[in-house]
Amino acid sequence: MSLENVRKYLMKYGKSEEIILFDQSSATVKEAAADLNTEEGRIAKTMSFLLSSGPIVIVAAGDEKIDNRKFKDTFHEKAKMIGPDQVEELTGHPVGGVCPFAVKEGVKVYLDESLKRFDYVYPAAGTPRSAIKLTISELERVSECDGWIDVTKLPDPA
């Protein structure tokens, strides 16, 4: 159902036929990067959080992680990810397929500044076996985002 909702949503932007479907899972950044033969940073991972005002999704570069201090400075609350048992109910998409398109009414969509270092990225398209290639300006327009934020950091090298 989620894929069909995304396909219908993307139709109004002329992008519904650009969804890429995989035979195997692309639910993790590592899997998606391998499936697409691209670097992990270009995988636009969509993370879901629960604020006191309701659910939000944040789209960030796949090689970045949430910086708890930046998150709290931005939203004035601690970062609380939505549990896997509630993700689909609150966002409209299953774990591994959460994307910034066709989210449930009231879910705010934010794009993280980490995406801006790329000319194009690959967010999921509503299932753990899908993606779509979008330029950053297309992602901004098609996601109908509530704004750009800076809440990530590159992980410390091991």
N, C-alpha and C. Protein backbone atom coordinates (compact mmCIF):
# COMPACT_ATOMS: atom_id res chain seq x y z
N MET A 1 0.81 -1.20 0.00
CA MET A 1 0.00 0.00 0.00
C MET A 1 0.86 1.26 0.00
N SER A 2 1.94 1.25 0.79
CA SER A 2 2.80 2.42 0.90
C SER A 2 3.43 2.78 -0.45
N LEU A 3 3.87 1.78 -1.20
CA LEU A 3 4.46 2.03 -2.52
C LEU A 3 3.43 2.68 -3.44
N GLU A 4 2.21 2.19 -3.42
CA GLU A 4 1.17 2.76 -4.27
C GLU A 4 0.84 4.19 -3.86
N ASN A 5 0.85 4.46 -2.56
CA ASN A 5 0.62 5.82 -2.09
C ASN A 5 1.74 6.75 -2.57
N VAL A 6 2.97 6.27 -2.51
CA VAL A 6 4.11 7.07 -2.98
C VAL A 6 4.03 7.28 -4.48
N ARG A 7 3.70 6.22 -5.21
CA ARG A 7 3.58 6.32 -6.68
C ARG A 7 2.52 7.38 -7.05
N LYS A 8 1.37 7.31 -6.38
CA LYS A 8 0.29 8.27 -6.63
C LYS A 8 0.74 9.69 -6.27
N TYR A 9 1.42 9.83 -5.14
CA TYR A 9 1.92 11.13 -4.69
C TYR A 9 2.91 11.71 -5.71
N LEU A 10 3.84 10.88 -6.19
CA LEU A 10 4.87 11.34 -7.12
C LEU A 10 4.31 11.67 -8.51
N MET A 11 3.11 11.17 -8.80
CA MET A 11 2.48 11.42 -10.09
C MET A 11 2.32 12.92 -10.35
N LYS A 12 1.96 13.66 -9.31
CA LYS A 12 1.74 15.10 -9.49
C LYS A 12 3.02 15.85 -9.81
N TYR A 13 4.16 15.20 -9.63
CA TYR A 13 5.46 15.80 -9.96
C TYR A 13 6.08 15.16 -11.21
N GLY A 14 5.34 14.25 -11.83
CA GLY A 14 5.86 13.57 -13.02
C GLY A 14 7.00 12.62 -12.71
N LYS A 15 7.03 12.09 -11.49
CA LYS A 15 8.14 11.25 -11.05
C LYS A 15 7.74 9.81 -10.73
N SER A 16 6.49 9.47 -10.90
CA SER A 16 6.01 8.14 -10.46
C SER A 16 6.66 6.99 -11.22
N GLU A 17 7.06 7.23 -12.44
CA GLU A 17 7.68 6.16 -13.24
C GLU A 17 9.18 6.03 -12.97
N GLU A 18 9.72 6.89 -12.11
CA GLU A 18 11.16 6.87 -11.84
C GLU A 18 11.53 6.06 -10.60
N ILE A 19 10.54 5.46 -9.96
CA ILE A 19 10.82 4.62 -8.79
C ILE A 19 11.61 3.40 -9.23
N ILE A 20 12.67 3.11 -8.49
CA ILE A 20 13.53 1.95 -8.76
C ILE A 20 13.12 0.85 -7.77
N LEU A 21 12.83 -0.34 -8.29
CA LEU A 21 12.47 -1.48 -7.44
C LEU A 21 13.60 -2.51 -7.46
N PHE A 22 13.87 -3.10 -6.31
CA PHE A 22 14.95 -4.06 -6.17
C PHE A 22 14.39 -5.45 -5.87
N ASP A 23 15.14 -6.49 -6.25
CA ASP A 23 14.74 -7.86 -5.94
C ASP A 23 15.01 -8.20 -4.48
N GLN A 24 16.01 -7.53 -3.90
CA GLN A 24 16.38 -7.78 -2.52
C GLN A 24 16.20 -6.50 -1.70
N SER A 25 16.38 -6.61 -0.40
CA SER A 25 16.19 -5.47 0.49
C SER A 25 17.18 -4.35 0.22
N SER A 26 16.65 -3.14 0.29
CA SER A 26 17.49 -1.94 0.26
C SER A 26 17.17 -1.11 1.51
N ALA A 27 16.76 -1.81 2.57
CA ALA A 27 16.26 -1.15 3.78
C ALA A 27 17.34 -0.41 4.56
N THR A 28 18.59 -0.88 4.49
CA THR A 28 19.66 -0.21 5.21
C THR A 28 20.46 0.64 4.23
N VAL A 29 21.18 1.59 4.75
CA VAL A 29 22.03 2.44 3.91
C VAL A 29 23.03 1.58 3.15
N LYS A 30 23.63 0.63 3.84
CA LYS A 30 24.64 -0.25 3.22
C LYS A 30 24.02 -1.06 2.07
N GLU A 31 22.83 -1.64 2.30
CA GLU A 31 22.16 -2.42 1.26
C GLU A 31 21.78 -1.55 0.07
N ALA A 32 21.21 -0.38 0.35
CA ALA A 32 20.78 0.51 -0.73
C ALA A 32 21.97 0.98 -1.56
N ALA A 33 23.08 1.34 -0.90
CA ALA A 33 24.27 1.79 -1.62
C ALA A 33 24.80 0.68 -2.52
N ALA A 34 24.80 -0.56 -2.01
CA ALA A 34 25.26 -1.69 -2.82
C ALA A 34 24.32 -1.92 -4.00
N ASP A 35 23.02 -1.89 -3.75
CA ASP A 35 22.03 -2.10 -4.81
C ASP A 35 22.15 -1.05 -5.92
N LEU A 36 22.47 0.17 -5.52
CA LEU A 36 22.55 1.28 -6.47
C LEU A 36 23.96 1.56 -6.97
N ASN A 37 24.92 0.78 -6.45
CA ASN A 37 26.33 0.96 -6.82
C ASN A 37 26.75 2.43 -6.63
N THR A 38 26.50 2.94 -5.44
CA THR A 38 26.83 4.33 -5.13
C THR A 38 27.40 4.41 -3.72
N GLU A 39 27.90 5.57 -3.36
CA GLU A 39 28.44 5.77 -2.01
C GLU A 39 27.31 5.91 -0.99
N GLU A 40 27.57 5.51 0.24
CA GLU A 40 26.55 5.52 1.29
C GLU A 40 26.00 6.91 1.56
N GLY A 41 26.81 7.95 1.40
CA GLY A 41 26.34 9.31 1.66
C GLY A 41 25.19 9.72 0.75
N ARG A 42 25.13 9.16 -0.46
CA ARG A 42 24.06 9.52 -1.41
C ARG A 42 22.72 8.85 -1.09
N ILE A 43 22.73 7.91 -0.16
CA ILE A 43 21.47 7.30 0.27
C ILE A 43 20.81 8.28 1.24
N ALA A 44 19.68 8.83 0.85
CA ALA A 44 18.98 9.82 1.68
C ALA A 44 18.11 9.06 2.68
N LYS A 45 18.71 8.80 3.83
CA LYS A 45 17.95 8.02 4.83
C LYS A 45 16.95 8.92 5.52
N THR A 46 15.77 8.36 5.72
CA THR A 46 14.68 9.09 6.35
C THR A 46 14.43 8.47 7.72
N MET A 47 14.69 9.26 8.75
CA MET A 47 14.55 8.80 10.13
C MET A 47 13.31 9.43 10.74
N SER A 48 12.59 8.66 11.53
CA SER A 48 11.34 9.15 12.12
C SER A 48 11.51 9.34 13.63
N PHE A 49 11.03 10.50 14.09
CA PHE A 49 11.14 10.87 15.49
C PHE A 49 9.77 11.30 16.01
N LEU A 50 9.62 11.20 17.32
CA LEU A 50 8.37 11.64 17.95
C LEU A 50 8.67 12.82 18.86
N LEU A 51 8.09 13.96 18.53
CA LEU A 51 8.18 15.15 19.36
C LEU A 51 6.89 15.30 20.14
N SER A 52 6.87 16.16 21.13
CA SER A 52 5.63 16.37 21.88
C SER A 52 4.53 16.92 20.98
N SER A 53 4.92 17.59 19.87
CA SER A 53 3.95 18.13 18.92
C SER A 53 3.50 17.11 17.88
N GLY A 54 4.14 15.93 17.84
CA GLY A 54 3.77 14.90 16.88
C GLY A 54 4.97 14.33 16.15
N PRO A 55 4.73 13.42 15.21
CA PRO A 55 5.84 12.78 14.49
C PRO A 55 6.46 13.69 13.44
N ILE A 56 7.76 13.52 13.24
CA ILE A 56 8.50 14.20 12.19
C ILE A 56 9.38 13.18 11.49
N VAL A 57 9.77 13.48 10.26
CA VAL A 57 10.81 12.69 9.59
C VAL A 57 11.91 13.65 9.17
N ILE A 58 13.13 13.15 9.29
CA ILE A 58 14.31 13.92 8.90
C ILE A 58 15.05 13.12 7.85
N VAL A 59 15.31 13.74 6.71
CA VAL A 59 16.05 13.10 5.63
C VAL A 59 17.48 13.62 5.70
N ALA A 60 18.45 12.69 5.78
CA ALA A 60 19.85 13.07 5.92
C ALA A 60 20.72 12.18 5.04
N ALA A 61 21.94 12.63 4.82
CA ALA A 61 22.91 11.82 4.06
C ALA A 61 23.15 10.52 4.81
N GLY A 62 23.26 9.43 4.05
CA GLY A 62 23.37 8.11 4.64
C GLY A 62 24.59 7.86 5.49
N ASP A 63 25.63 8.65 5.31
CA ASP A 63 26.85 8.45 6.10
C ASP A 63 26.90 9.33 7.34
N GLU A 64 25.83 10.03 7.62
CA GLU A 64 25.77 10.92 8.79
C GLU A 64 24.91 10.27 9.88
N LYS A 65 25.08 10.76 11.10
CA LYS A 65 24.23 10.30 12.19
C LYS A 65 23.69 11.51 12.93
N ILE A 66 22.62 11.32 13.67
CA ILE A 66 22.01 12.42 14.42
C ILE A 66 22.97 12.88 15.51
N ASP A 67 23.14 14.18 15.60
CA ASP A 67 23.91 14.81 16.67
C ASP A 67 22.88 15.23 17.73
N ASN A 68 22.89 14.56 18.85
CA ASN A 68 21.86 14.80 19.88
C ASN A 68 21.82 16.26 20.35
N ARG A 69 22.96 16.90 20.47
CA ARG A 69 23.01 18.30 20.91
C ARG A 69 22.34 19.20 19.87
N LYS A 70 22.69 19.00 18.59
CA LYS A 70 22.08 19.81 17.52
C LYS A 70 20.57 19.58 17.45
N PHE A 71 20.16 18.32 17.63
CA PHE A 71 18.73 18.00 17.61
C PHE A 71 18.01 18.76 18.71
N LYS A 72 18.55 18.69 19.92
CA LYS A 72 17.90 19.35 21.06
C LYS A 72 17.91 20.87 20.87
N ASP A 73 18.99 21.43 20.34
CA ASP A 73 19.04 22.87 20.09
C ASP A 73 18.00 23.29 19.04
N THR A 74 17.73 22.42 18.07
CA THR A 74 16.78 22.72 17.00
C THR A 74 15.33 22.55 17.44
N PHE A 75 15.04 21.44 18.10
CA PHE A 75 13.65 21.11 18.44
C PHE A 75 13.29 21.32 19.91
N HIS A 76 14.29 21.65 20.75
CA HIS A 76 14.08 21.90 22.17
C HIS A 76 13.53 20.68 22.90
N GLU A 77 13.87 19.50 22.37
CA GLU A 77 13.51 18.22 22.98
C GLU A 77 14.62 17.23 22.66
N LYS A 78 14.72 16.18 23.48
CA LYS A 78 15.66 15.11 23.18
C LYS A 78 15.18 14.33 21.96
N ALA A 79 16.13 13.81 21.19
CA ALA A 79 15.80 12.98 20.03
C ALA A 79 15.21 11.65 20.52
N LYS A 80 13.98 11.38 20.11
CA LYS A 80 13.33 10.12 20.47
C LYS A 80 12.81 9.49 19.18
N MET A 81 13.53 8.47 18.72
CA MET A 81 13.12 7.79 17.49
C MET A 81 11.82 7.03 17.74
N ILE A 82 11.01 6.96 16.71
CA ILE A 82 9.78 6.18 16.80
C ILE A 82 10.15 4.71 16.76
N GLY A 83 9.60 3.92 17.64
CA GLY A 83 9.89 2.50 17.70
C GLY A 83 9.40 1.77 16.46
N PRO A 84 10.07 0.67 16.11
CA PRO A 84 9.71 -0.05 14.89
C PRO A 84 8.26 -0.51 14.84
N ASP A 85 7.66 -0.75 16.00
CA ASP A 85 6.27 -1.20 16.04
C ASP A 85 5.27 -0.08 15.76
N GLN A 86 5.74 1.18 15.78
CA GLN A 86 4.84 2.32 15.55
C GLN A 86 5.16 3.11 14.28
N VAL A 87 6.27 2.80 13.63
CA VAL A 87 6.72 3.59 12.48
C VAL A 87 5.64 3.70 11.40
N GLU A 88 5.12 2.57 10.95
CA GLU A 88 4.13 2.59 9.87
C GLU A 88 2.85 3.29 10.30
N GLU A 89 2.41 3.02 11.52
CA GLU A 89 1.18 3.63 12.03
C GLU A 89 1.30 5.17 12.06
N LEU A 90 2.47 5.69 12.45
CA LEU A 90 2.63 7.13 12.62
C LEU A 90 3.07 7.86 11.35
N THR A 91 3.86 7.18 10.49
CA THR A 91 4.38 7.86 9.30
C THR A 91 3.64 7.48 8.02
N GLY A 92 3.07 6.28 8.01
CA GLY A 92 2.42 5.79 6.79
C GLY A 92 3.31 4.88 5.98
N HIS A 93 4.55 4.64 6.46
CA HIS A 93 5.50 3.79 5.72
C HIS A 93 6.13 2.77 6.65
N PRO A 94 6.46 1.58 6.13
CA PRO A 94 7.08 0.55 6.96
C PRO A 94 8.55 0.84 7.23
N VAL A 95 9.08 0.22 8.26
CA VAL A 95 10.51 0.31 8.56
C VAL A 95 11.29 -0.08 7.31
N GLY A 96 12.31 0.68 6.97
CA GLY A 96 13.12 0.41 5.78
C GLY A 96 12.58 1.08 4.53
N GLY A 97 11.34 1.55 4.59
CA GLY A 97 10.74 2.20 3.43
C GLY A 97 10.27 3.62 3.74
N VAL A 98 10.58 4.08 4.96
CA VAL A 98 10.16 5.44 5.34
C VAL A 98 10.81 6.44 4.39
N CYS A 99 10.01 7.34 3.89
CA CYS A 99 10.48 8.33 2.93
C CYS A 99 9.73 9.64 3.16
N PRO A 100 10.17 10.72 2.53
CA PRO A 100 9.52 12.00 2.74
C PRO A 100 8.32 12.27 1.83
N PHE A 101 7.79 11.23 1.20
CA PHE A 101 6.67 11.37 0.26
C PHE A 101 5.45 10.64 0.80
N ALA A 102 4.28 11.23 0.63
CA ALA A 102 3.02 10.59 1.03
C ALA A 102 3.03 10.16 2.49
N VAL A 103 3.60 11.00 3.35
CA VAL A 103 3.55 10.71 4.78
C VAL A 103 2.14 11.03 5.29
N LYS A 104 1.82 10.49 6.44
CA LYS A 104 0.50 10.75 7.02
C LYS A 104 0.34 12.23 7.32
N GLU A 105 -0.89 12.68 7.27
CA GLU A 105 -1.20 14.08 7.55
C GLU A 105 -0.68 14.44 8.94
N GLY A 106 -0.05 15.60 9.03
CA GLY A 106 0.47 16.08 10.30
C GLY A 106 1.93 15.75 10.54
N VAL A 107 2.51 14.86 9.73
CA VAL A 107 3.93 14.52 9.87
C VAL A 107 4.74 15.60 9.17
N LYS A 108 5.61 16.25 9.92
CA LYS A 108 6.46 17.28 9.34
C LYS A 108 7.70 16.63 8.73
N VAL A 109 8.15 17.17 7.59
CA VAL A 109 9.31 16.65 6.87
C VAL A 109 10.41 17.70 6.88
N TYR A 110 11.59 17.30 7.34
CA TYR A 110 12.75 18.19 7.35
C TYR A 110 13.89 17.56 6.55
N LEU A 111 14.64 18.41 5.86
CA LEU A 111 15.81 17.96 5.12
C LEU A 111 17.04 18.47 5.86
N ASP A 112 18.01 17.59 6.05
CA ASP A 112 19.22 17.97 6.76
C ASP A 112 20.26 18.54 5.80
N GLU A 113 21.00 19.52 6.27
CA GLU A 113 22.03 20.20 5.47
C GLU A 113 23.06 19.23 4.90
N SER A 114 23.23 18.06 5.51
CA SER A 114 24.22 17.09 5.05
C SER A 114 23.97 16.64 3.61
N LEU A 115 22.73 16.78 3.15
CA LEU A 115 22.38 16.38 1.78
C LEU A 115 22.94 17.34 0.74
N LYS A 116 23.18 18.57 1.13
CA LYS A 116 23.56 19.61 0.17
C LYS A 116 24.94 19.42 -0.45
N ARG A 117 25.73 18.50 0.06
CA ARG A 117 27.05 18.27 -0.55
C ARG A 117 26.96 17.38 -1.78
N PHE A 118 25.77 16.88 -2.08
CA PHE A 118 25.55 16.02 -3.24
C PHE A 118 24.68 16.72 -4.28
N ASP A 119 24.88 16.36 -5.55
CA ASP A 119 24.02 16.90 -6.60
C ASP A 119 22.73 16.09 -6.70
N TYR A 120 22.78 14.80 -6.36
CA TYR A 120 21.59 13.96 -6.34
C TYR A 120 21.72 12.94 -5.22
N VAL A 121 20.58 12.43 -4.76
CA VAL A 121 20.52 11.44 -3.70
C VAL A 121 19.42 10.42 -4.01
N TYR A 122 19.37 9.37 -3.20
CA TYR A 122 18.39 8.31 -3.38
C TYR A 122 17.59 8.07 -2.09
N PRO A 123 16.44 8.69 -1.93
CA PRO A 123 15.58 8.33 -0.81
C PRO A 123 14.79 7.06 -1.15
N ALA A 124 14.27 6.41 -0.11
CA ALA A 124 13.39 5.26 -0.32
C ALA A 124 12.09 5.77 -0.95
N ALA A 125 11.27 4.81 -1.39
CA ALA A 125 10.00 5.18 -2.03
C ALA A 125 8.83 4.39 -1.45
N GLY A 126 8.86 4.20 -0.13
CA GLY A 126 7.71 3.60 0.54
C GLY A 126 7.81 2.13 0.87
N THR A 127 8.88 1.46 0.41
CA THR A 127 9.07 0.05 0.75
C THR A 127 10.55 -0.19 1.02
N PRO A 128 10.89 -1.31 1.67
CA PRO A 128 12.29 -1.65 1.91
C PRO A 128 13.01 -2.16 0.66
N ARG A 129 12.36 -2.10 -0.49
CA ARG A 129 12.95 -2.57 -1.75
C ARG A 129 12.78 -1.54 -2.86
N SER A 130 12.84 -0.25 -2.49
CA SER A 130 12.62 0.78 -3.50
C SER A 130 13.45 2.03 -3.21
N ALA A 131 13.63 2.82 -4.24
CA ALA A 131 14.33 4.11 -4.12
C ALA A 131 13.94 4.96 -5.32
N ILE A 132 14.33 6.23 -5.27
CA ILE A 132 14.16 7.12 -6.40
C ILE A 132 15.34 8.07 -6.41
N LYS A 133 15.86 8.34 -7.60
CA LYS A 133 16.99 9.26 -7.74
C LYS A 133 16.44 10.67 -7.95
N LEU A 134 16.84 11.61 -7.08
CA LEU A 134 16.38 12.99 -7.18
C LEU A 134 17.54 13.95 -6.97
N THR A 135 17.53 15.05 -7.70
CA THR A 135 18.48 16.12 -7.40
C THR A 135 18.04 16.74 -6.07
N ILE A 136 18.92 17.50 -5.47
CA ILE A 136 18.58 18.13 -4.20
C ILE A 136 17.40 19.09 -4.36
N SER A 137 17.38 19.84 -5.44
CA SER A 137 16.24 20.76 -5.64
C SER A 137 14.95 19.98 -5.89
N GLU A 138 15.03 18.84 -6.59
CA GLU A 138 13.84 18.01 -6.78
C GLU A 138 13.36 17.46 -5.44
N LEU A 139 14.30 16.99 -4.62
CA LEU A 139 13.95 16.45 -3.30
C LEU A 139 13.24 17.52 -2.46
N GLU A 140 13.77 18.71 -2.49
CA GLU A 140 13.17 19.81 -1.73
C GLU A 140 11.75 20.07 -2.20
N ARG A 141 11.55 20.12 -3.49
CA ARG A 141 10.23 20.41 -4.06
C ARG A 141 9.26 19.25 -3.85
N VAL A 142 9.69 18.05 -4.19
CA VAL A 142 8.82 16.88 -4.15
C VAL A 142 8.47 16.47 -2.72
N SER A 143 9.38 16.68 -1.79
CA SER A 143 9.09 16.30 -0.40
C SER A 143 8.15 17.29 0.29
N GLU A 144 7.99 18.47 -0.34
CA GLU A 144 7.17 19.52 0.27
C GLU A 144 7.61 19.74 1.72
N CYS A 145 8.93 19.79 1.90
CA CYS A 145 9.51 19.83 3.24
C CYS A 145 9.13 21.09 4.01
N ASP A 146 9.20 20.95 5.33
CA ASP A 146 8.92 22.05 6.23
C ASP A 146 10.15 22.91 6.46
N GLY A 147 11.28 22.52 5.86
CA GLY A 147 12.48 23.34 5.97
C GLY A 147 13.76 22.53 6.04
N TRP A 148 14.86 23.27 5.99
CA TRP A 148 16.20 22.70 6.11
C TRP A 148 16.68 22.88 7.54
N ILE A 149 17.33 21.84 8.08
CA ILE A 149 17.87 21.90 9.43
C ILE A 149 19.28 21.32 9.41
N ASP A 150 19.99 21.51 10.51
CA ASP A 150 21.34 20.96 10.64
C ASP A 150 21.40 20.19 11.95
N VAL A 151 21.13 18.87 11.88
CA VAL A 151 21.08 18.05 13.11
C VAL A 151 21.94 16.79 13.01
N THR A 152 22.88 16.76 12.07
CA THR A 152 23.70 15.55 11.92
C THR A 152 25.18 15.86 12.04
N LYS A 153 25.95 14.77 12.11
CA LYS A 153 27.40 14.87 12.10
C LYS A 153 27.94 13.58 11.50
N LEU A 154 29.13 13.67 10.91
CA LEU A 154 29.79 12.47 10.42
C LEU A 154 30.25 11.67 11.62
N PRO A 155 30.14 10.35 11.59
CA PRO A 155 30.61 9.54 12.72
C PRO A 155 32.13 9.69 12.88
N ASP A 156 32.58 9.56 14.12
CA ASP A 156 34.02 9.60 14.37
C ASP A 156 34.69 8.42 13.69
N PRO A 157 35.83 8.66 13.03
CA PRO A 157 36.52 7.52 12.38
C PRO A 157 37.01 6.53 13.44
N ALA A 158 36.92 5.27 13.12
CA ALA A 158 37.29 4.23 14.09
C ALA A 158 38.79 4.05 14.16
